[in-house]
């Protein structure tokens, strides 16, 4: 991944002759790669992906159904799954109990 970013940056620096549109596309590619790298490192995003995966695998529920069953707001569950909410331990336990799994299972992130 670092090699790709480095190659893109070298291409951008060498490419003084690049057309303006091509430069914009290159910048957008770099932003996309960096965003994905950051998302993979963010524990809230990882937790959200794991919650979404387990919600679908264990119960085949919608976010709305999980929220209803757990007593949490649908918008809160949505925010947790998108990684924009920093979930509390209490709510991790609520969700785990609702999904009939251990809280630890929600914290097992794939590599």
Protein backbone atom coordinates (compact mmCIF):
# COMPACT_ATOMS: atom_id res chain seq x y z
CA UNK A 1 0.00 0.00 0.00
CA UNK A 2 2.82 2.43 0.89
CA UNK A 3 4.51 1.59 -2.40
CA UNK A 4 1.36 2.48 -4.34
CA UNK A 5 1.06 5.82 -2.54
CA UNK A 6 4.78 6.54 -3.09
CA UNK A 7 4.48 5.71 -6.80
CA UNK A 8 1.45 7.97 -7.11
CA UNK A 9 3.29 10.81 -5.39
CA UNK A 10 6.35 10.33 -7.61
CA UNK A 11 4.09 10.30 -10.66
CA UNK A 12 2.49 13.54 -9.45
CA UNK A 13 5.85 15.25 -8.90
CA UNK A 14 7.28 14.11 -12.23
CA UNK A 15 4.05 14.83 -14.03
CA UNK A 16 4.39 18.59 -14.30
CA UNK A 17 3.29 17.95 -17.84
CA UNK A 18 0.11 16.21 -16.69
CA UNK A 19 -3.10 17.82 -17.67
CA UNK A 20 -5.02 19.48 -14.86
CA UNK A 21 -7.80 16.85 -15.00
CA UNK A 22 -5.30 14.01 -14.68
CA UNK A 23 -3.77 15.73 -11.65
CA UNK A 24 -7.18 15.99 -9.99
CA UNK A 25 -7.79 12.29 -10.65
CA UNK A 26 -4.41 11.45 -9.13
CA UNK A 27 -5.16 13.50 -6.01
CA UNK A 28 -8.52 11.74 -5.67
CA UNK A 29 -6.83 8.34 -5.96
CA UNK A 30 -4.37 9.29 -3.21
CA UNK A 31 -7.22 10.53 -0.98
CA UNK A 32 -9.11 7.27 -1.52
CA UNK A 33 -6.09 5.12 -0.64
CA UNK A 34 -5.27 7.16 2.46
CA UNK A 35 -8.90 7.12 3.64
CA UNK A 36 -9.00 3.33 3.33
CA UNK A 37 -5.74 3.03 5.26
CA UNK A 38 -7.10 5.24 8.05
CA UNK A 39 -10.46 3.41 8.13
CA UNK A 40 -8.69 0.10 8.59
CA UNK A 41 -6.80 1.48 11.58
CA UNK A 42 -9.76 3.14 13.28
CA UNK A 43 -11.14 0.89 16.03
CA UNK A 44 -14.62 2.44 15.78
CA UNK A 45 -14.82 1.57 12.09
CA UNK A 46 -13.56 -1.96 12.76
CA UNK A 47 -16.10 -2.41 15.56
CA UNK A 48 -18.90 -1.14 13.32
CA UNK A 49 -17.98 -3.53 10.52
CA UNK A 50 -17.86 -6.41 13.00
CA UNK A 51 -21.25 -5.48 14.49
CA UNK A 52 -22.80 -5.30 11.03
CA UNK A 53 -21.31 -8.67 10.08
CA UNK A 54 -22.56 -10.39 13.25
CA UNK A 55 -26.00 -8.74 13.03
CA UNK A 56 -26.46 -10.20 9.55
CA UNK A 57 -24.89 -13.60 10.27
CA UNK A 58 -26.48 -14.35 13.64
CA UNK A 59 -29.96 -12.89 13.25
CA UNK A 60 -30.38 -11.63 9.66
CA UNK A 61 -31.80 -8.45 11.19
CA UNK A 62 -31.93 -4.93 9.88
CA UNK A 63 -30.34 -2.12 11.89
CA UNK A 64 -33.83 -1.05 12.86
CA UNK A 65 -34.68 -4.48 14.28
CA UNK A 66 -31.42 -4.66 16.23
CA UNK A 67 -32.08 -1.21 17.65
CA UNK A 68 -35.63 -2.15 18.65
CA UNK A 69 -34.58 -5.42 20.29
CA UNK A 70 -31.65 -3.83 22.16
CA UNK A 71 -33.48 -0.71 23.27
CA UNK A 72 -31.09 1.61 21.43
CA UNK A 73 -31.99 4.29 18.90
CA UNK A 74 -31.84 3.27 15.25
CA UNK A 75 -29.71 6.32 14.42
CA UNK A 76 -27.27 5.35 17.20
CA UNK A 77 -26.90 1.79 15.87
CA UNK A 78 -26.38 3.22 12.38
CA UNK A 79 -23.68 5.56 13.67
CA UNK A 80 -21.93 2.72 15.50
CA UNK A 81 -21.93 0.55 12.37
CA UNK A 82 -20.51 3.42 10.30
CA UNK A 83 -17.78 3.98 12.88
CA UNK A 84 -18.79 7.56 13.69
CA UNK A 85 -19.98 6.81 17.24
CA UNK A 86 -17.67 5.80 20.08
CA UNK A 87 -19.75 3.08 21.70
CA UNK A 88 -19.74 2.56 25.47
CA UNK A 89 -19.00 -0.73 27.19
CA UNK A 90 -22.57 -0.79 28.50
CA UNK A 91 -23.97 -0.63 24.96
CA UNK A 92 -21.50 -3.25 23.71
CA UNK A 93 -22.92 -5.57 26.37
CA UNK A 94 -26.51 -4.70 25.39
CA UNK A 95 -25.84 -5.47 21.74
CA UNK A 96 -24.01 -8.70 22.56
CA UNK A 97 -26.87 -9.89 24.77
CA UNK A 98 -29.39 -9.03 22.05
CA UNK A 99 -27.38 -10.95 19.44
CA UNK A 100 -26.90 -13.83 21.94
CA UNK A 101 -23.11 -13.67 21.74
CA UNK A 102 -20.35 -12.75 24.17
CA UNK A 103 -19.15 -9.13 24.20
CA UNK A 104 -15.68 -10.41 23.33
CA UNK A 105 -16.97 -11.75 20.02
CA UNK A 106 -17.78 -8.19 18.96
CA UNK A 107 -14.14 -7.23 19.54
CA UNK A 108 -12.59 -9.89 17.29
CA UNK A 109 -11.58 -7.89 14.23
CA UNK A 110 -10.47 -9.59 11.00
CA UNK A 111 -6.98 -8.67 9.78
